[in-house]
Protein backbone atom coordinates (compact mmCIF):
# COMPACT_ATOMS: atom_id res chain seq x y z
CA MET A 1 56.27 148.11 164.36
CA ASP A 2 58.72 150.61 162.87
CA LEU A 3 62.34 150.97 163.97
CA GLN A 4 61.83 154.13 166.03
CA THR A 5 58.90 152.64 167.93
CA THR A 6 60.84 149.44 168.51
CA MET A 7 63.88 151.26 169.88
CA SER A 8 61.72 153.51 172.06
CA SER A 9 59.99 150.50 173.52
CA PHE A 10 63.34 149.19 174.76
CA THR A 11 63.68 152.01 177.27
CA ALA A 12 60.24 151.24 178.65
CA GLN A 13 60.97 147.58 179.18
CA ASP A 14 61.90 146.29 182.59
CA LYS A 15 65.66 145.60 182.49
CA ASP A 16 65.07 142.62 184.74
CA GLN A 17 62.73 141.04 182.23
CA GLU A 18 62.80 137.28 181.99
CA VAL A 19 65.10 135.99 179.24
CA ARG A 20 63.12 134.73 176.25
CA PRO A 21 63.52 130.99 175.72
CA SER A 22 65.50 130.00 172.66
CA SER A 23 63.31 129.34 169.64
CA SER A 24 63.29 125.94 168.02
CA GLY A 25 63.69 125.34 164.36
CA SER A 26 65.75 126.84 161.04
CA TRP A 27 66.03 126.48 157.35
CA ALA A 28 69.01 124.22 157.96
CA CYS A 29 68.56 120.54 157.37
CA LYS A 30 68.08 118.06 160.15
CA ALA A 31 70.67 115.33 159.77
CA VAL A 32 69.60 111.71 159.74
CA ASP A 33 71.37 108.89 161.48
CA GLU A 34 71.17 106.51 158.53
CA PHE A 35 72.30 107.35 155.02
CA ASP A 36 71.06 105.26 152.13
CA ALA A 37 74.30 104.30 150.39
CA LEU A 38 72.56 103.10 147.25
CA SER A 39 70.11 105.89 146.60
CA ILE A 40 70.63 109.41 145.36
CA GLU A 41 66.93 110.26 145.52
CA TYR A 42 66.42 113.91 146.43
CA LYS A 43 64.90 114.38 149.86
CA PRO A 44 63.74 117.89 150.79
CA LYS A 45 65.38 119.30 153.88
CA PRO A 46 63.04 119.20 156.87
CA ILE A 47 62.61 122.56 158.55
CA GLU A 48 64.66 122.94 161.71
CA LYS A 49 65.66 126.39 162.81
CA TYR A 50 69.35 126.95 163.30
CA PRO A 51 69.91 127.65 167.06
CA ALA A 52 71.11 131.22 166.53
CA LYS A 53 69.90 132.54 169.90
CA LEU A 54 71.54 129.63 171.74
CA HIS A 55 74.81 130.33 169.97
CA ALA A 56 74.56 134.06 170.69
CA ARG A 57 74.00 133.30 174.37
CA ASN A 58 77.01 130.99 174.35
CA VAL A 59 79.14 133.86 173.06
CA LYS A 60 77.68 136.12 175.75
CA LYS A 61 78.70 133.59 178.40
CA TYR A 62 82.34 133.55 177.29
CA LEU A 63 82.41 137.29 176.62
CA ASP A 64 81.54 137.61 180.30
CA VAL A 65 79.85 141.01 180.12
CA GLY A 66 76.35 141.94 181.15
CA GLU A 67 75.80 144.61 178.56
CA GLY A 68 76.92 145.71 175.13
CA LEU A 69 76.17 145.00 171.48
CA ILE A 70 77.75 142.34 169.28
CA TYR A 71 78.12 143.57 165.70
CA LEU A 72 79.05 141.09 162.95
CA PRO A 73 78.89 141.74 159.21
CA GLY A 74 78.40 138.83 156.85
CA LEU A 75 80.33 138.54 153.62
CA PRO A 76 79.51 141.30 151.11
CA SER A 77 78.85 140.35 147.52
CA PHE A 78 81.63 141.11 145.03
CA ASN A 79 82.93 140.08 141.62
CA TYR A 80 86.29 138.81 140.51
CA GLU A 81 88.71 141.56 139.54
CA ASP A 82 88.02 142.88 136.01
CA SER A 83 85.00 140.63 135.70
CA ASP A 84 81.23 140.70 136.06
CA MET A 85 81.25 137.20 137.59
CA PRO A 86 81.29 136.53 141.34
CA PRO A 87 83.29 133.78 143.05
CA ALA A 88 81.43 130.98 144.78
CA PHE A 89 79.86 132.49 147.88
CA ARG A 90 81.34 131.43 151.22
CA GLN A 91 79.81 133.02 154.29
CA ARG A 92 81.94 134.43 157.08
CA ARG A 93 81.92 131.73 159.71
CA TYR A 94 81.69 133.98 162.77
CA PHE A 95 78.60 135.62 161.27
CA TYR A 96 77.13 132.23 160.41
CA TYR A 97 77.67 130.91 163.92
CA ILE A 98 75.12 133.28 165.44
CA THR A 99 72.75 133.46 162.47
CA GLY A 100 72.69 130.31 160.34
CA VAL A 101 72.17 132.68 157.39
CA ASN A 102 74.06 131.85 154.21
CA LEU A 103 73.14 135.01 152.29
CA PRO A 104 75.42 137.88 151.22
CA ASP A 105 75.28 141.51 152.33
CA CYS A 106 73.69 140.93 155.74
CA ILE A 107 74.69 142.12 159.23
CA VAL A 108 73.70 140.77 162.63
CA THR A 109 73.52 142.57 165.98
CA TYR A 110 72.97 141.04 169.40
CA ASN A 111 71.96 143.29 172.27
CA ILE A 112 73.53 141.47 175.19
CA HIS A 113 71.55 142.83 178.13
CA ARG A 114 68.23 142.72 176.28
CA ASP A 115 68.90 139.30 174.68
CA GLN A 116 67.77 140.64 171.32
CA LEU A 117 69.14 139.15 168.09
CA TRP A 118 68.49 141.26 165.00
CA LEU A 119 69.32 140.56 161.36
CA TRP A 120 69.86 143.45 158.97
CA ILE A 121 69.19 142.66 155.31
CA PRO A 122 69.43 144.51 151.98
CA PRO A 123 66.24 146.16 150.71
CA PRO A 124 64.13 144.05 148.32
CA ASN A 125 65.54 143.93 144.82
CA SER A 126 63.59 144.49 141.64
CA GLY A 127 63.85 144.74 137.87
CA SER A 128 66.67 142.95 136.09
CA SER A 129 68.18 141.87 139.42
CA VAL A 130 65.14 139.69 140.08
CA ILE A 131 65.02 138.47 136.48
CA TYR A 132 68.65 137.36 136.55
CA ASN A 133 69.15 136.28 140.16
CA GLY A 134 65.74 135.83 141.72
CA ALA A 135 64.12 137.84 144.49
CA ARG A 136 65.88 138.33 147.80
CA PRO A 137 64.03 136.85 150.78
CA THR A 138 61.78 139.32 152.58
CA ALA A 139 61.92 140.10 156.30
CA LYS A 140 58.74 138.06 156.80
CA GLU A 141 60.22 135.04 155.01
CA ILE A 142 63.42 135.26 157.04
CA MET A 143 61.54 135.48 160.35
CA ALA A 144 59.68 132.30 159.42
CA LYS A 145 62.91 130.39 158.73
CA TYR A 146 65.46 131.78 161.17
CA ASP A 147 65.78 132.30 164.90
CA PHE A 148 65.72 136.13 165.15
CA ASP A 149 63.81 138.56 167.29
CA HIS A 150 63.58 141.12 164.50
CA VAL A 151 64.61 141.57 160.87
CA GLU A 152 65.19 145.08 159.52
CA THR A 153 66.61 146.56 156.31
CA LEU A 154 70.15 147.91 156.25
CA THR A 155 68.90 151.40 155.41
CA HIS A 156 68.07 151.86 159.11
CA LEU A 157 71.28 150.37 160.54
CA ASP A 158 73.29 153.60 160.90
CA SER A 159 70.45 155.25 162.78
CA TYR A 160 70.10 152.24 165.04
CA LEU A 161 73.81 152.14 165.88
CA THR A 162 73.89 155.89 166.53
CA TRP A 163 70.91 155.48 168.82
CA TYR A 164 72.58 152.57 170.59
CA ALA A 165 75.87 154.38 171.11
CA HIS A 166 74.12 157.33 172.78
CA THR A 167 71.44 155.59 174.82
CA GLU A 168 72.38 152.00 175.60
CA PRO A 169 75.05 150.76 178.03
CA GLY A 170 78.18 148.89 177.05
CA LYS A 171 80.54 148.77 174.11
CA ILE A 172 79.83 147.67 170.56
CA HIS A 173 81.90 144.50 170.21
CA VAL A 174 83.45 143.78 166.80
CA LEU A 175 85.83 141.06 165.66
CA HIS A 176 88.27 143.40 163.95
CA ASP A 177 88.66 147.16 163.93
CA TYR A 178 88.21 147.32 160.18
CA GLN A 179 84.73 145.78 160.53
CA ALA A 180 83.45 148.63 162.70
CA PRO A 181 80.81 150.70 160.87
CA LYS A 182 82.05 154.11 159.74
CA ASN A 183 78.86 156.14 159.72
CA ILE A 184 77.85 156.37 163.38
CA GLU A 185 77.24 159.97 164.44
CA LEU A 186 79.28 160.55 167.58
CA GLN A 187 77.34 163.76 168.29
CA ILE A 188 73.56 164.08 168.27
CA THR A 189 71.21 166.95 169.13
CA ARG A 190 68.63 166.36 171.81
CA LYS A 191 65.15 167.89 171.68
CA ASN A 192 66.17 170.48 174.27
CA GLY A 193 68.94 171.73 171.98
CA CYS A 194 71.78 170.20 173.99
CA HIS A 195 74.42 168.01 172.42
CA SER A 196 75.33 164.48 173.45
CA ILE A 197 78.96 163.77 172.57
CA ILE A 198 80.74 160.42 172.79
CA SER A 199 84.22 161.18 174.06
CA GLU A 200 85.73 157.79 173.23
CA SER A 201 85.18 155.13 170.59
CA PRO A 202 82.12 152.98 171.25
CA PHE A 203 83.84 149.98 169.62
CA ASP A 204 85.83 147.22 171.28
CA SER A 205 87.72 144.61 169.23
CA SER A 206 89.69 143.10 172.10
CA ARG A 207 87.30 140.44 173.41
CA LEU A 208 84.80 139.13 170.89
CA GLU A 209 87.04 136.85 168.84
CA GLU A 210 88.33 134.89 171.82
CA ALA A 211 84.80 134.51 173.22
CA MET A 212 83.47 133.27 169.89
CA ASN A 213 86.38 130.86 169.42
CA THR A 214 85.72 129.33 172.82
CA ALA A 215 81.99 129.06 172.14
CA ARG A 216 82.52 127.51 168.70
CA ALA A 217 84.85 124.84 170.11
CA ILE A 218 82.04 123.26 172.15
CA LYS A 219 79.53 121.89 169.68
CA THR A 220 75.79 122.08 170.27
CA PRO A 221 73.52 119.10 169.44
CA TYR A 222 72.46 120.82 166.21
CA GLU A 223 76.07 121.29 165.11
CA LEU A 224 76.85 117.65 165.81
CA ARG A 225 73.92 116.59 163.63
CA MET A 226 75.31 118.69 160.78
CA ILE A 227 78.79 117.18 161.18
CA ARG A 228 77.31 113.67 161.29
CA LYS A 229 75.42 114.34 158.07
CA ALA A 230 78.57 115.67 156.37
CA SER A 231 80.44 112.61 157.62
CA ALA A 232 77.80 110.23 156.26
CA ILE A 233 77.92 111.72 152.77
CA THR A 234 81.71 111.83 152.89
CA ALA A 235 81.71 108.12 153.76
CA GLN A 236 79.65 107.29 150.69
CA GLY A 237 82.03 109.29 148.51
CA HIS A 238 85.03 107.38 149.84
CA ILE A 239 83.23 104.04 149.41
CA ASN A 240 82.39 104.85 145.80
CA VAL A 241 86.04 105.62 145.13
CA LEU A 242 87.03 102.24 146.59
CA ARG A 243 84.36 100.45 144.56
CA GLY A 244 85.34 102.14 141.33
CA LEU A 245 89.10 102.14 141.77
CA ARG A 246 89.56 99.23 139.35
CA HIS A 247 88.18 101.35 136.49
CA LEU A 248 90.22 104.48 137.19
CA SER A 249 93.41 105.53 135.47
CA ASN A 250 94.03 109.08 136.74
CA GLU A 251 93.89 111.02 140.01
CA ALA A 252 91.38 113.39 138.41
CA GLU A 253 88.84 110.59 138.08
CA ILE A 254 89.09 109.89 141.81
CA GLU A 255 88.31 113.51 142.59
CA ALA A 256 85.42 113.44 140.13
CA ILE A 257 83.80 110.36 141.68
CA PHE A 258 83.99 111.80 145.16
CA THR A 259 82.64 115.26 144.34
CA ALA A 260 79.89 113.81 142.13
CA THR A 261 78.76 111.56 144.96
CA CYS A 262 78.56 114.54 147.31
CA ILE A 263 76.77 116.80 144.84
CA ALA A 264 74.19 114.11 144.05
CA ARG A 265 73.35 114.06 147.75
CA GLN A 266 72.92 117.85 147.97
CA ALA A 267 76.35 118.44 149.55
CA LYS A 268 77.60 120.79 146.85
CA THR A 269 80.55 122.29 148.71
CA GLN A 270 83.78 120.61 149.74
CA ALA A 271 85.22 121.48 153.13
CA TYR A 272 88.63 121.74 151.44
CA GLY A 273 90.24 120.83 148.14
CA VAL A 274 90.26 117.11 147.41
CA ILE A 275 93.68 115.50 147.91
CA ALA A 276 94.19 112.44 145.69
CA GLY A 277 97.93 111.88 145.76
CA SER A 278 99.21 108.68 144.13
CA GLY A 279 102.73 107.33 144.45
CA GLU A 280 105.25 109.96 145.50
CA ASN A 281 102.56 112.64 145.25
CA ALA A 282 101.30 111.23 148.56
CA SER A 283 104.37 112.74 150.23
CA THR A 284 103.04 116.27 149.58
CA LEU A 285 100.75 116.93 152.52
CA HIS A 286 98.24 119.13 150.67
CA TYR A 287 98.70 117.84 147.12
CA MET A 288 95.72 119.05 145.07
CA ALA A 289 96.84 118.92 141.43
CA ASN A 290 95.09 115.55 141.08
CA ASN A 291 96.08 115.18 137.43
CA GLU A 292 98.58 112.32 137.17
CA PRO A 293 98.15 108.69 136.03
CA LEU A 294 97.76 105.89 138.56
CA LYS A 295 99.62 103.28 136.52
CA ASP A 296 102.55 101.57 138.24
CA ARG A 297 102.02 103.47 141.51
CA GLN A 298 101.71 101.82 144.88
CA LEU A 299 99.48 103.84 147.19
CA LEU A 300 96.82 106.51 147.03
CA CYS A 301 96.58 108.99 149.90
CA PHE A 302 93.00 110.19 149.61
CA ASP A 303 91.94 113.11 151.82
CA ALA A 304 88.44 114.43 151.13
CA GLY A 305 85.42 115.69 153.06
CA CYS A 306 82.29 117.63 152.18
CA GLU A 307 80.29 120.27 154.03
CA TRP A 308 76.70 120.07 155.11
CA ASP A 309 75.11 123.46 155.77
CA CYS A 310 78.58 124.97 156.27
CA TYR A 311 79.74 122.27 158.72
CA ALA A 312 82.80 120.27 157.69
CA SER A 313 83.98 116.70 157.68
CA ASP A 314 87.63 115.72 157.22
CA VAL A 315 88.68 112.16 156.37
CA THR A 316 91.85 110.59 155.00
CA ARG A 317 92.41 107.03 153.86
CA THR A 318 95.49 105.45 152.28
CA PHE A 319 95.25 102.23 150.31
CA PRO A 320 97.06 100.26 147.59
CA ILE A 321 95.81 101.05 144.10
CA SER A 322 96.30 97.41 143.06
CA GLY A 323 94.44 96.09 146.09
CA GLU A 324 97.62 94.57 147.55
CA TYR A 325 100.32 96.21 149.68
CA THR A 326 103.99 95.76 148.96
CA GLU A 327 106.01 94.61 151.96
CA GLU A 328 107.37 98.12 152.58
CA ALA A 329 103.98 99.81 152.15
CA GLN A 330 102.30 97.35 154.52
CA ALA A 331 104.95 98.02 157.17
CA ILE A 332 104.45 101.78 157.00
CA TYR A 333 100.67 101.46 156.98
CA ASP A 334 100.80 99.29 160.09
CA ILE A 335 102.88 101.88 161.94
CA VAL A 336 100.47 104.70 161.07
CA ALA A 337 97.46 102.56 161.99
CA LYS A 338 99.06 101.85 165.36
CA MET A 339 99.74 105.56 165.84
CA GLN A 340 96.12 106.39 165.19
CA ASP A 341 94.62 103.54 167.22
CA GLU A 342 96.67 104.34 170.32
CA CYS A 343 96.11 108.10 170.08
CA ILE A 344 92.35 107.74 169.67
CA GLU A 345 92.22 105.65 172.83
CA LEU A 346 93.79 108.56 174.75
CA LEU A 347 90.98 110.97 173.87
CA LYS A 348 88.81 112.03 176.79
CA PRO A 349 87.83 115.20 178.67
CA GLY A 350 90.83 116.62 180.51
CA ALA A 351 93.42 115.05 178.20
CA ASN A 352 96.07 117.38 176.82
CA TYR A 353 96.11 117.11 173.04
CA ARG A 354 99.77 118.05 172.94
CA ASP A 355 100.62 114.98 175.02
CA ILE A 356 98.69 112.80 172.57
CA HIS A 357 100.66 114.33 169.70
CA ILE A 358 103.90 113.46 171.48
CA HIS A 359 102.69 109.87 171.96
CA ALA A 360 102.13 109.60 168.20
CA HIS A 361 105.77 110.56 167.61
CA LYS A 362 106.95 107.91 170.06
CA VAL A 363 104.99 105.21 168.24
CA ALA A 364 106.31 106.46 164.89
CA LEU A 365 109.90 106.50 166.10
CA LYS A 366 109.69 102.98 167.48
CA GLY A 367 108.33 101.71 164.16
CA LEU A 368 110.94 103.53 162.11
CA MET A 369 113.71 102.15 164.32
CA ASP A 370 112.37 98.61 163.92
CA LEU A 371 112.54 99.01 160.13
CA GLY A 372 116.07 100.39 160.29
CA LEU A 373 115.08 103.71 158.73
CA VAL A 374 116.46 105.61 161.72
CA GLU A 375 119.41 104.37 163.72
CA GLY A 376 122.61 105.38 165.48
CA GLY A 377 121.29 106.14 168.95
CA THR A 378 119.03 105.07 171.78
CA PHE A 379 115.29 105.65 171.60
CA ASP A 380 115.52 108.57 174.03
CA GLU A 381 118.41 110.13 172.11
CA LEU A 382 116.59 109.86 168.80
CA PHE A 383 113.36 111.15 170.29
CA MET A 384 114.94 114.23 171.84
CA ALA A 385 116.78 114.90 168.58
CA GLY A 386 113.38 115.19 166.92
CA VAL A 387 114.31 112.87 164.07
CA SER A 388 110.73 111.57 163.77
CA VAL A 389 109.68 115.04 162.53
CA ALA A 390 111.52 114.24 159.28
CA PHE A 391 108.87 111.59 158.59
CA PHE A 392 105.89 113.01 160.52
CA PRO A 393 106.16 116.76 159.86
CA HIS A 394 102.66 117.95 160.80
CA GLY A 395 100.38 118.10 163.79
CA LEU A 396 98.34 115.14 164.92
CA GLY A 397 95.08 116.97 164.31
CA HIS A 398 92.87 120.01 164.71
CA TYR A 399 89.38 121.12 165.65
CA VAL A 400 86.52 120.56 163.15
CA GLY A 401 83.35 122.61 162.78
CA LEU A 402 82.36 125.56 160.62
CA GLU A 403 85.94 125.49 159.36
CA VAL A 404 87.70 122.26 158.51
CA HIS A 405 90.57 123.68 160.60
CA ASP A 406 88.21 125.17 163.14
CA VAL A 407 88.83 127.69 165.88
CA GLY A 408 89.31 126.74 169.51
CA PRO A 409 89.74 128.19 172.99
CA GLY A 410 92.30 130.86 173.63
CA GLY A 411 92.57 132.56 170.28
CA SER A 412 92.30 132.33 166.53
CA LEU A 413 95.64 130.60 165.94
CA ILE A 414 94.00 127.24 166.36
CA THR A 415 96.94 124.98 165.67
CA ASN A 416 99.20 127.04 167.88
CA ARG A 417 96.75 126.80 170.76
CA LEU A 418 96.17 123.10 170.23
CA TYR A 419 99.87 122.46 170.75
CA GLY A 420 100.64 125.12 173.34
CA PHE A 421 102.25 127.96 171.39
CA THR A 422 101.44 131.49 172.46
CA LYS A 423 102.28 132.91 169.04
CA LYS A 424 102.54 131.60 165.51
CA PRO A 425 105.85 129.77 164.97
CA ALA A 426 107.99 130.99 162.09
CA ASP A 427 108.31 127.48 160.69
CA TRP A 428 105.99 124.60 161.54
CA THR A 429 108.65 121.94 161.05
CA ASP A 430 110.70 123.65 163.76
CA ALA A 431 107.53 124.06 165.81
CA TYR A 432 106.79 120.36 166.02
CA PHE A 433 110.39 119.69 166.94
CA GLN A 434 110.03 122.24 169.74
CA ILE A 435 107.06 120.29 171.02
CA LEU A 436 109.16 117.15 171.26
CA SER A 437 112.11 118.89 172.87
CA ASN A 438 109.90 120.91 175.22
CA THR A 439 111.29 124.16 173.82
CA GLY A 440 108.94 127.11 173.46
CA VAL A 441 105.98 125.42 175.14
CA THR A 442 104.88 124.80 178.69
CA SER A 443 103.68 121.51 180.06
CA ASP A 444 100.15 122.84 180.39
CA GLY A 445 100.29 124.88 177.18
CA GLY A 446 98.42 122.50 174.93
CA SER A 447 94.69 122.38 174.50
CA ILE A 448 92.80 120.51 177.20
CA LEU A 449 90.05 118.50 175.56
CA GLU A 450 86.48 119.10 176.70
CA LYS A 451 83.18 117.31 176.21
CA ASP A 452 81.51 118.09 172.84
CA MET A 453 84.70 119.21 171.12
CA VAL A 454 85.31 117.61 167.71
CA VAL A 455 88.93 116.99 166.75
CA THR A 456 90.75 114.98 164.13
CA VAL A 457 93.39 112.34 164.76
CA GLU A 458 95.46 112.11 161.57
CA PRO A 459 98.96 110.68 162.00
CA GLY A 460 101.12 110.08 158.97
CA ILE A 461 104.53 108.93 157.80
CA TYR A 462 105.92 110.39 154.58
CA PHE A 463 108.94 109.93 152.35
CA SER A 464 109.33 113.35 150.80
CA ARG A 465 112.43 113.49 148.63
CA TYR A 466 112.64 117.23 149.10
CA ALA A 467 112.25 117.18 152.87
CA LEU A 468 114.64 114.30 153.41
CA GLU A 469 117.32 115.09 150.84
CA GLU A 470 117.26 118.92 150.84
CA VAL A 471 116.57 119.53 154.53
CA TYR A 472 117.23 116.66 156.91
CA LEU A 473 120.04 114.79 155.15
CA LYS A 474 121.88 118.08 154.70
CA SER A 475 121.69 118.76 158.41
CA PRO A 476 124.42 117.09 160.50
CA LYS A 477 121.99 117.08 163.40
CA TYR A 478 119.60 114.70 161.60
CA ALA A 479 121.64 113.06 158.84
CA LYS A 480 123.61 110.85 161.22
CA TYR A 481 120.38 109.15 162.33
CA ILE A 482 118.71 108.54 158.93
CA ASN A 483 119.51 105.43 156.87
CA LYS A 484 119.98 107.11 153.50
CA ASP A 485 120.43 103.90 151.51
CA LEU A 486 117.27 102.30 152.84
CA LEU A 487 115.18 105.34 151.93
CA GLN A 488 115.38 104.38 148.25
CA LYS A 489 113.07 101.41 148.89
CA TYR A 490 110.47 103.62 150.56
CA TYR A 491 110.32 106.67 148.28
CA PRO A 492 107.80 105.00 145.90
CA ILE A 493 105.36 104.68 148.82
CA GLY A 494 105.06 108.46 149.02
CA GLY A 495 103.20 108.65 152.28
CA VAL A 496 100.52 107.15 154.49
CA ARG A 497 97.97 109.18 156.44
CA ILE A 498 94.84 107.96 158.24
CA GLU A 499 92.36 110.51 159.60
CA ASP A 500 89.08 110.34 161.51
CA ASP A 501 86.83 112.95 163.15
CA LEU A 502 86.31 112.30 166.86
CA LEU A 503 83.71 113.70 169.26
CA ILE A 504 84.87 114.05 172.85
CA THR A 505 82.18 112.49 175.05
CA GLU A 506 81.59 112.55 178.78
CA ASP A 507 83.93 109.63 179.44
CA GLY A 508 85.91 109.19 176.24
CA TYR A 509 85.19 109.64 172.56
CA GLU A 510 82.91 108.71 169.68
CA ASN A 511 84.31 108.20 166.20
CA LEU A 512 82.07 110.15 163.80
CA THR A 513 83.85 108.74 160.73
CA THR A 514 82.41 105.59 159.18
CA VAL A 515 84.68 105.36 156.12
CA PRO A 516 86.17 101.85 155.79
CA LYS A 517 89.90 101.45 156.37
CA GLY A 518 92.43 98.66 156.65
CA GLU A 519 91.18 95.21 155.68
CA GLU A 520 87.64 96.46 155.17
CA ALA A 521 88.81 98.95 152.53
CA LEU A 522 90.93 96.27 150.84
CA ASN A 523 87.92 93.96 150.68
CA ILE A 524 85.90 96.62 148.84
CA ILE A 525 88.71 97.23 146.35
CA ASN A 526 89.26 93.54 145.73
CA GLU A 527 85.55 92.79 145.54
CA GLY A 528 85.48 95.31 142.73
CA LYS A 529 88.35 93.49 141.05
CA LYS A 530 86.44 90.20 141.33
CA GLN A 531 83.36 91.81 139.81
CA GLU A 532 85.45 93.19 136.99
CA GLU A 533 86.95 89.75 136.32
CA GLY A 534 83.47 88.23 136.40
CA GLU A 535 82.24 90.83 133.93
CA ARG A 536 85.24 90.13 131.70
CA GLN A 537 84.55 86.39 131.74
CA ALA A 538 80.85 86.96 131.06
CA ASN A 539 81.65 89.21 128.11
CA LYS A 540 84.12 86.65 126.79
CA LYS A 541 81.49 83.89 126.97
CA ALA A 542 78.90 86.10 125.30
CA THR A 543 81.31 86.92 122.50
CA GLU A 544 82.16 83.24 122.03
CA SER A 545 78.48 82.31 122.05
CA ARG A 546 77.70 84.88 119.37
CA ARG A 547 80.61 83.61 117.29
CA GLN A 548 79.41 79.99 117.57
CA LYS A 549 75.85 80.91 116.66
CA LYS A 550 77.06 82.85 113.65
CA THR A 551 79.12 79.86 112.47
CA TRP A 552 76.23 77.46 112.99
CA PHE A 553 73.81 79.67 111.10
CA TRP A 554 75.95 79.75 108.01
């Protein structure tokens, strides 16, 4: 059926037609519950269609309109500046959410009142393009793999949009004004010679983003399977780092082990840059240089998570490189572990995430006071002064999904919404203090957790020389509460962060992260040390045996 016939058939259809059931199946992989930690055998992805129509209908529900067209372009292909080489392809996540298509140069449209999801693809390539890059998938191949009602080439898109603007009801909804197509004819000539003129823009960019953010926050069963798969591979990467730690001498080797583990299991993309901060590097929240030696350093703050079919995992563990904590490092780790344990237990539908964040600061402050790191006032005085922000300068967590810092209800500024800000704060350090002091936020301003959201809980305590000495100790407001002399004992720790991904369930939560932590992680590190010592003794005996045999022979 050609495009003109297809479009003409729309007008003949009964507008009250029954909604077509969502198709089952996509090219995306079906996640498995168990992950073989010892095998890297390649296993072909079983065919399961990405639930594109279900996701499109979810957006329609939150868009709350009965008619209109959703128009979303995918990422166009391009090369680096002054180069013939392209960067690694990363699909636009809003486009991916209602397509599952990880190909460049495509566009999707969803006719809301007709419940029709169309993908628009480049024409077939030929010649040297095929020789160098392979053939693009055909419309027939895409229809077999993806959940679309129709696949058409981009050469017909302008005509389709012009037709839609003049004959179909409702606006064309776009994420951003700059993404609106430029070539729609706003005047067309009818067969009778009359003109049909559109007096106002057919595009609306005011509603789609918020609707998509709200839809993306509530994960479908398919999305949860993808996140579980990413989490399982991430867990194996972390375990391999723990097992091999005894052999490693540089942060770069830690990154290499993790990424190699993921790639060997077909997870070739990281959800974010690997953070392998040893010693004082652990005090830099997003340290990614990963190029310094591990020798004579206490802790490693290791934050790494892979993607599976564009869905992210996000996990942080902190552990002693030697396999044994110093007294100061153990004390800080115990505080952070208590922060995380208590905050996780507060997760449930209806809970306000901002309140959980505040609870984390209260636990941190109590621990810091017990160690004598902060002093000079009552608990309430120190809390309202916001002194804990000097040691815990970031948010407790964020949404996880197609982005590692995923979108959520109420707008695109996800972190702002999660903590109750109506606009982006000028400085996040000030922002988290405002949360504690109740300035700039309302009591109901934070994100209310709902069933099937996925969020992180990632408290931390850090000893950043810059933050403490150049910011807080130079401020009379904070300096009077911070024990400057005692800080010297804690600077070598750098920082401690512990992070898990949590699914909000009907009556609480499920921890999707299976990476060992605490004593379990120490056991893996020290088991590796025992194996290394055993190997050393075995090699020593073998060498001695060879020496004795050589002596005897002569």
